[in-house]
Every structure is written in C-alpha cells, then in structure tokens.
C-alpha cells in the first residue's frame, strides 16, 4: 500500500523536523549563554530527541549539566529553557507537525500517543502515530470501496423477528 508507506515516511520526516528544531533552538540558547561546545551539545540533544518519551529529557539533562558546570545562571537558564521547550514540543509542535506530515488531526495524534503509551508503554508511544495513520488509510480504503455505505452485517434467518421465540427460552 503506497498510502501506508507515505504515512510512515511522513512520521519519520516529522520526527526529523521536530528534532532539527530542538537542536537549532538548543544551539541558539547555549550560544547566547556562552556555554562551550554549544554545537556538539545541540547535536546531541537533537539526536536524543529522536528517542520517544525519554530522549528529550536525556538530552536536556546532559546539556543542562554542562551549562551548570559553565555557570549557575547559564545552568538555570538551560533548565528553564528545556522545561518550556519540552512542553511546547509535546503540546504544540508534535501534534501540529505530525498531523500535517501523517495527515492526522492534531487531537488524534495526541490521543493516539497517550492511549498507546498507557497500553503498551514506550513501544506503544513509538508506534502510535504510524499505526494510527495506517489504520486511517485502511479504513479510508474500506469506506471508499463500499462507496460510503455503512457496513451491514448479515443476519441469520433464525434471528429474524418472525422466527423469534416469544417465551425467551432459547432452544
């Protein structure tokens, strides 16, 4: 199914874009703070941001630790930056970017990740958006194949109202 491949490709592209934004903003913040090795730290944060759920936190801890070693104000600024950025990424960037690249409603993206993380943990969170996109593609194909008609399940003849036992005892 080419549409399913596009969904997975859109998910990967969206994740790469989000990680690039994270790395770029981290670089600017560390550069302004005067933290040494800002480019290397920003690259590390961008790469760890690709890991679902915990990656951004791992990158933030490492970058904030280096900033704290550099100076207390730079460390506090880095901690505040990462807290604000992670909230913006989780509640704004991911739903908006992934909804456009995977062609899902932003609320669907958010709900899919939350439900999948609760049901299947980290693996569920990792696979939630591509699986939801594939389900949407398959259901759309079924809907188009049926011409937009609702699915009607066939009834057995012995369940028809004319043959129903009025006493309620199944025989």
C-alpha atoms as a PDB file:
ATOM      1  CA  UNK A   1       0.000   0.000   0.000  1.00  0.00           C
ATOM      2  CA  UNK A   2       1.716   3.219  -1.081  1.00  0.00           C
ATOM      3  CA  UNK A   3      -0.509   5.266   1.225  1.00  0.00           C
ATOM      4  CA  UNK A   4       0.732   3.314   4.259  1.00  0.00           C
ATOM      5  CA  UNK A   5       4.330   3.905   3.185  1.00  0.00           C
ATOM      6  CA  UNK A   6       3.583   7.631   2.873  1.00  0.00           C
ATOM      7  CA  UNK A   7       2.175   7.592   6.412  1.00  0.00           C
ATOM      8  CA  UNK A   8       5.313   6.016   7.875  1.00  0.00           C
ATOM      9  CA  UNK A   9       7.509   8.305   5.762  1.00  0.00           C
ATOM     10  CA  UNK A  10       5.541  11.322   6.986  1.00  0.00           C
ATOM     11  CA  UNK A  11       6.011  10.202  10.581  1.00  0.00           C
ATOM     12  CA  UNK A  12       9.780   9.863  10.144  1.00  0.00           C
ATOM     13  CA  UNK A  13      10.023  13.193   8.333  1.00  0.00           C
ATOM     14  CA  UNK A  14       8.000  14.917  11.039  1.00  0.00           C
ATOM     15  CA  UNK A  15      10.191  13.449  13.784  1.00  0.00           C
ATOM     16  CA  UNK A  16      13.346  14.586  11.997  1.00  0.00           C
ATOM     17  CA  UNK A  17      11.920  18.094  11.600  1.00  0.00           C
ATOM     18  CA  UNK A  18      10.996  18.284  15.301  1.00  0.00           C
ATOM     19  CA  UNK A  19      14.483  17.096  16.308  1.00  0.00           C
ATOM     20  CA  UNK A  20      16.087  19.646  13.979  1.00  0.00           C
ATOM     21  CA  UNK A  21      14.030  22.442  15.554  1.00  0.00           C
ATOM     22  CA  UNK A  22      15.006  21.224  19.023  1.00  0.00           C
ATOM     23  CA  UNK A  23      18.696  21.129  18.123  1.00  0.00           C
ATOM     24  CA  UNK A  24      18.599  24.556  16.478  1.00  0.00           C
ATOM     25  CA  UNK A  25      16.856  26.232  19.418  1.00  0.00           C
ATOM     26  CA  UNK A  26      19.180  24.488  21.871  1.00  0.00           C
ATOM     27  CA  UNK A  27      22.195  25.716  19.892  1.00  0.00           C
ATOM     28  CA  UNK A  28      20.943  29.306  19.964  1.00  0.00           C
ATOM     29  CA  UNK A  29      20.219  29.144  23.702  1.00  0.00           C
ATOM     30  CA  UNK A  30      23.610  27.610  24.548  1.00  0.00           C
ATOM     31  CA  UNK A  31      25.446  30.032  22.253  1.00  0.00           C
ATOM     32  CA  UNK A  32      23.745  33.048  23.838  1.00  0.00           C
ATOM     33  CA  UNK A  33      24.546  31.663  27.304  1.00  0.00           C
ATOM     34  CA  UNK A  34      28.206  31.276  26.353  1.00  0.00           C
ATOM     35  CA  UNK A  35      28.281  27.536  27.075  1.00  0.00           C
ATOM     36  CA  UNK A  36      31.298  25.853  25.450  1.00  0.00           C
ATOM     37  CA  UNK A  37      30.732  23.141  22.849  1.00  0.00           C
ATOM     38  CA  UNK A  38      27.272  24.532  22.065  1.00  0.00           C
ATOM     39  CA  UNK A  39      27.190  22.908  18.619  1.00  0.00           C
ATOM     40  CA  UNK A  40      28.157  19.482  19.904  1.00  0.00           C
ATOM     41  CA  UNK A  41      25.653  19.663  22.759  1.00  0.00           C
ATOM     42  CA  UNK A  42      22.895  20.821  20.418  1.00  0.00           C
ATOM     43  CA  UNK A  43      23.640  17.928  18.061  1.00  0.00           C
ATOM     44  CA  UNK A  44      23.475  15.501  20.997  1.00  0.00           C
ATOM     45  CA  UNK A  45      20.132  16.982  22.116  1.00  0.00           C
ATOM     46  CA  UNK A  46      18.746  16.755  18.563  1.00  0.00           C
ATOM     47  CA  UNK A  47      19.790  13.102  18.242  1.00  0.00           C
ATOM     48  CA  UNK A  48      18.401  12.099  21.627  1.00  0.00           C
ATOM     49  CA  UNK A  49      15.187  13.962  20.817  1.00  0.00           C
ATOM     50  CA  UNK A  50      14.516  11.243  18.229  1.00  0.00           C
ATOM     51  CA  UNK A  51      14.008   8.747  21.076  1.00  0.00           C
ATOM     52  CA  UNK A  52      10.322   8.813  22.066  1.00  0.00           C
ATOM     53  CA  UNK A  53       9.279   9.888  25.569  1.00  0.00           C
ATOM     54  CA  UNK A  54      12.704   9.916  27.264  1.00  0.00           C
ATOM     55  CA  UNK A  55      15.092  11.180  24.595  1.00  0.00           C
ATOM     56  CA  UNK A  56      14.413  14.880  25.019  1.00  0.00           C
ATOM     57  CA  UNK A  57      14.836  14.549  28.777  1.00  0.00           C
ATOM     58  CA  UNK A  58      18.174  12.742  28.391  1.00  0.00           C
ATOM     59  CA  UNK A  59      19.457  15.467  26.079  1.00  0.00           C
ATOM     60  CA  UNK A  60      18.163  18.192  28.388  1.00  0.00           C
ATOM     61  CA  UNK A  61      19.875  16.690  31.440  1.00  0.00           C
ATOM     62  CA  UNK A  62      23.245  16.448  29.660  1.00  0.00           C
ATOM     63  CA  UNK A  63      23.063  19.954  28.166  1.00  0.00           C
ATOM     64  CA  UNK A  64      21.812  21.490  31.425  1.00  0.00           C
ATOM     65  CA  UNK A  65      24.580  19.750  33.377  1.00  0.00           C
ATOM     66  CA  UNK A  66      27.249  21.173  31.080  1.00  0.00           C
ATOM     67  CA  UNK A  67      25.616  24.603  31.321  1.00  0.00           C
ATOM     68  CA  UNK A  68      25.593  24.340  35.147  1.00  0.00           C
ATOM     69  CA  UNK A  69      29.287  23.462  35.152  1.00  0.00           C
ATOM     70  CA  UNK A  70      29.913  26.540  32.969  1.00  0.00           C
ATOM     71  CA  UNK A  71      27.961  28.926  35.213  1.00  0.00           C
ATOM     72  CA  UNK A  72      24.977  28.914  37.541  1.00  0.00           C
ATOM     73  CA  UNK A  73      22.922  31.460  35.519  1.00  0.00           C
ATOM     74  CA  UNK A  74      23.556  29.505  32.278  1.00  0.00           C
ATOM     75  CA  UNK A  75      22.510  26.278  34.010  1.00  0.00           C
ATOM     76  CA  UNK A  76      19.315  27.754  35.407  1.00  0.00           C
ATOM     77  CA  UNK A  77      18.549  29.310  32.004  1.00  0.00           C
ATOM     78  CA  UNK A  78      19.076  25.943  30.322  1.00  0.00           C
ATOM     79  CA  UNK A  79      16.792  24.160  32.786  1.00  0.00           C
ATOM     80  CA  UNK A  80      14.035  26.747  32.279  1.00  0.00           C
ATOM     81  CA  UNK A  81      14.525  26.621  28.501  1.00  0.00           C
ATOM     82  CA  UNK A  82      14.214  22.827  28.359  1.00  0.00           C
ATOM     83  CA  UNK A  83      11.131  22.751  30.588  1.00  0.00           C
ATOM     84  CA  UNK A  84       9.378  25.363  28.443  1.00  0.00           C
ATOM     85  CA  UNK A  85      10.590  23.820  25.170  1.00  0.00           C
ATOM     86  CA  UNK A  86       9.522  20.280  26.064  1.00  0.00           C
ATOM     87  CA  UNK A  87       6.042  21.482  26.971  1.00  0.00           C
ATOM     88  CA  UNK A  88       5.798  23.388  23.692  1.00  0.00           C
ATOM     89  CA  UNK A  89       7.126  20.398  21.735  1.00  0.00           C
ATOM     90  CA  UNK A  90       4.773  17.885  23.350  1.00  0.00           C
ATOM     91  CA  UNK A  91       1.640  20.002  23.171  1.00  0.00           C
ATOM     92  CA  UNK A  92       2.187  22.160  20.103  1.00  0.00           C
ATOM     93  CA  UNK A  93       4.976  21.056  17.759  1.00  0.00           C
ATOM     94  CA  UNK A  94       4.384  17.305  17.713  1.00  0.00           C
ATOM     95  CA  UNK A  95       0.607  17.423  17.184  1.00  0.00           C
ATOM     96  CA  UNK A  96       0.804  20.160  14.533  1.00  0.00           C
ATOM     97  CA  UNK A  97       3.811  18.864  12.571  1.00  0.00           C
ATOM     98  CA  UNK A  98       2.879  15.192  12.771  1.00  0.00           C
ATOM     99  CA  UNK A  99      -0.741  15.930  11.892  1.00  0.00           C
ATOM    100  CA  UNK A 100       0.461  17.572   8.678  1.00  0.00           C
ATOM    101  CA  UNK A 101       3.102  15.001   7.748  1.00  0.00           C
ATOM    102  CA  UNK A 102       0.992  11.960   8.654  1.00  0.00           C
ATOM    103  CA  UNK A 103      -2.301  13.632   7.635  1.00  0.00           C
ATOM    104  CA  UNK A 104      -3.971  13.105  11.014  1.00  0.00           C
ATOM    105  CA  UNK A 105      -5.988  15.501  13.127  1.00  0.00           C
ATOM    106  CA  UNK A 106      -3.769  17.015  15.896  1.00  0.00           C
ATOM    107  CA  UNK A 107      -6.188  15.763  18.561  1.00  0.00           C
ATOM    108  CA  UNK A 108      -5.976  12.275  17.055  1.00  0.00           C
ATOM    109  CA  UNK A 109      -2.176  12.429  17.247  1.00  0.00           C
ATOM    110  CA  UNK A 110      -2.260  13.473  20.899  1.00  0.00           C
ATOM    111  CA  UNK A 111      -4.862  10.866  21.873  1.00  0.00           C
ATOM    112  CA  UNK A 112      -3.110   8.090  19.926  1.00  0.00           C
ATOM    113  CA  UNK A 113       0.185   8.721  21.706  1.00  0.00           C
ATOM    114  CA  UNK A 114      -1.442   8.968  25.142  1.00  0.00           C
ATOM    115  CA  UNK A 115      -3.527   5.812  24.716  1.00  0.00           C
ATOM    116  CA  UNK A 116      -0.723   3.792  23.152  1.00  0.00           C
ATOM    117  CA  UNK A 117       1.756   4.874  25.847  1.00  0.00           C
ATOM    118  CA  UNK A 118      -0.697   3.814  28.541  1.00  0.00           C
ATOM    119  CA  UNK A 119      -1.473   0.469  26.891  1.00  0.00           C
ATOM    120  CA  UNK A 120       1.950  -0.531  25.533  1.00  0.00           C
ATOM    121  CA  UNK A 121       4.478   1.786  27.190  1.00  0.00           C
ATOM    122  CA  UNK A 122       7.414   3.206  25.248  1.00  0.00           C
ATOM    123  CA  UNK A 123       6.962   0.833  22.312  1.00  0.00           C
ATOM    124  CA  UNK A 124       3.313   1.878  22.045  1.00  0.00           C
ATOM    125  CA  UNK A 125       4.258   5.555  22.075  1.00  0.00           C
ATOM    126  CA  UNK A 126       6.864   4.927  19.383  1.00  0.00           C
ATOM    127  CA  UNK A 127       4.411   3.132  17.092  1.00  0.00           C
ATOM    128  CA  UNK A 128       1.224   5.061  17.939  1.00  0.00           C
ATOM    129  CA  UNK A 129       1.285   7.650  15.172  1.00  0.00           C
ATOM    130  CA  UNK A 130       2.335   5.414  12.255  1.00  0.00           C
ATOM    131  CA  UNK A 131      -0.137   2.697  13.315  1.00  0.00           C
ATOM    132  CA  UNK A 132      -2.934   5.259  13.665  1.00  0.00           C
ATOM    133  CA  UNK A 133      -2.088   6.643  10.222  1.00  0.00           C
ATOM    134  CA  UNK A 134      -2.117   3.158   8.703  1.00  0.00           C
ATOM    135  CA  UNK A 135      -5.468   2.406  10.371  1.00  0.00           C
ATOM    136  CA  UNK A 136      -6.837   5.643   8.914  1.00  0.00           C
ATOM    137  CA  UNK A 137      -5.603   4.669   5.431  1.00  0.00           C
ATOM    138  CA  UNK A 138      -7.092   1.165   5.658  1.00  0.00           C
ATOM    139  CA  UNK A 139     -10.439   2.417   6.967  1.00  0.00           C
ATOM    140  CA  UNK A 140     -10.495   5.094   4.250  1.00  0.00           C
ATOM    141  CA  UNK A 141      -9.892   2.434   1.594  1.00  0.00           C
ATOM    142  CA  UNK A 142     -12.681   0.267   3.010  1.00  0.00           C
ATOM    143  CA  UNK A 143     -15.020   3.272   3.111  1.00  0.00           C
ATOM    144  CA  UNK A 144     -14.167   4.218  -0.489  1.00  0.00           C
ATOM    145  CA  UNK A 145     -14.573   0.617  -1.658  1.00  0.00           C
ATOM    146  CA  UNK A 146     -18.028   0.457  -0.098  1.00  0.00           C
ATOM    147  CA  UNK A 147     -18.983   3.738  -1.772  1.00  0.00           C
ATOM    148  CA  UNK A 148     -19.590   5.439   1.558  1.00  0.00           C
ATOM    149  CA  UNK A 149     -22.288   2.971   2.556  1.00  0.00           C
ATOM    150  CA  UNK A 150     -22.323   1.826   6.175  1.00  0.00           C
ATOM    151  CA  UNK A 151     -21.362  -1.759   6.864  1.00  0.00           C
ATOM    152  CA  UNK A 152     -24.385  -4.054   7.262  1.00  0.00           C
ATOM    153  CA  UNK A 153     -23.795  -7.368   8.880  1.00  0.00           C
ATOM    154  CA  UNK A 154     -25.840 -10.254   7.503  1.00  0.00           C
ATOM    155  CA  UNK A 155     -28.448 -11.640   9.878  1.00  0.00           C
ATOM    156  CA  UNK A 156     -29.128 -15.313  10.193  1.00  0.00           C
ATOM    157  CA  UNK A 157     -32.640 -16.327   9.243  1.00  0.00           C
ATOM    158  CA  UNK A 158     -33.356 -17.914  12.617  1.00  0.00           C
ATOM    159  CA  UNK A 159     -32.752 -14.494  14.276  1.00  0.00           C
ATOM    160  CA  UNK A 160     -35.394 -12.771  12.208  1.00  0.00           C
ATOM    161  CA  UNK A 161     -38.351 -11.313  14.129  1.00  0.00           C
ATOM    162  CA  UNK A 162     -40.763 -13.799  12.540  1.00  0.00           C
ATOM    163  CA  UNK A 163     -38.842 -16.807  13.882  1.00  0.00           C
ATOM    164  CA  UNK A 164     -38.061 -15.430  17.333  1.00  0.00           C
ATOM    165  CA  UNK A 165     -39.290 -17.493  20.252  1.00  0.00           C
ATOM    166  CA  UNK A 166     -41.717 -15.330  22.216  1.00  0.00           C
ATOM    167  CA  UNK A 167     -41.112 -17.159  25.518  1.00  0.00           C
ATOM    168  CA  UNK A 168     -37.464 -16.021  25.662  1.00  0.00           C
ATOM    169  CA  UNK A 169     -36.146 -19.589  26.134  1.00  0.00           C
ATOM    170  CA  UNK A 170     -33.526 -20.461  23.539  1.00  0.00           C
ATOM    171  CA  UNK A 171     -33.967 -23.933  22.088  1.00  0.00           C
END
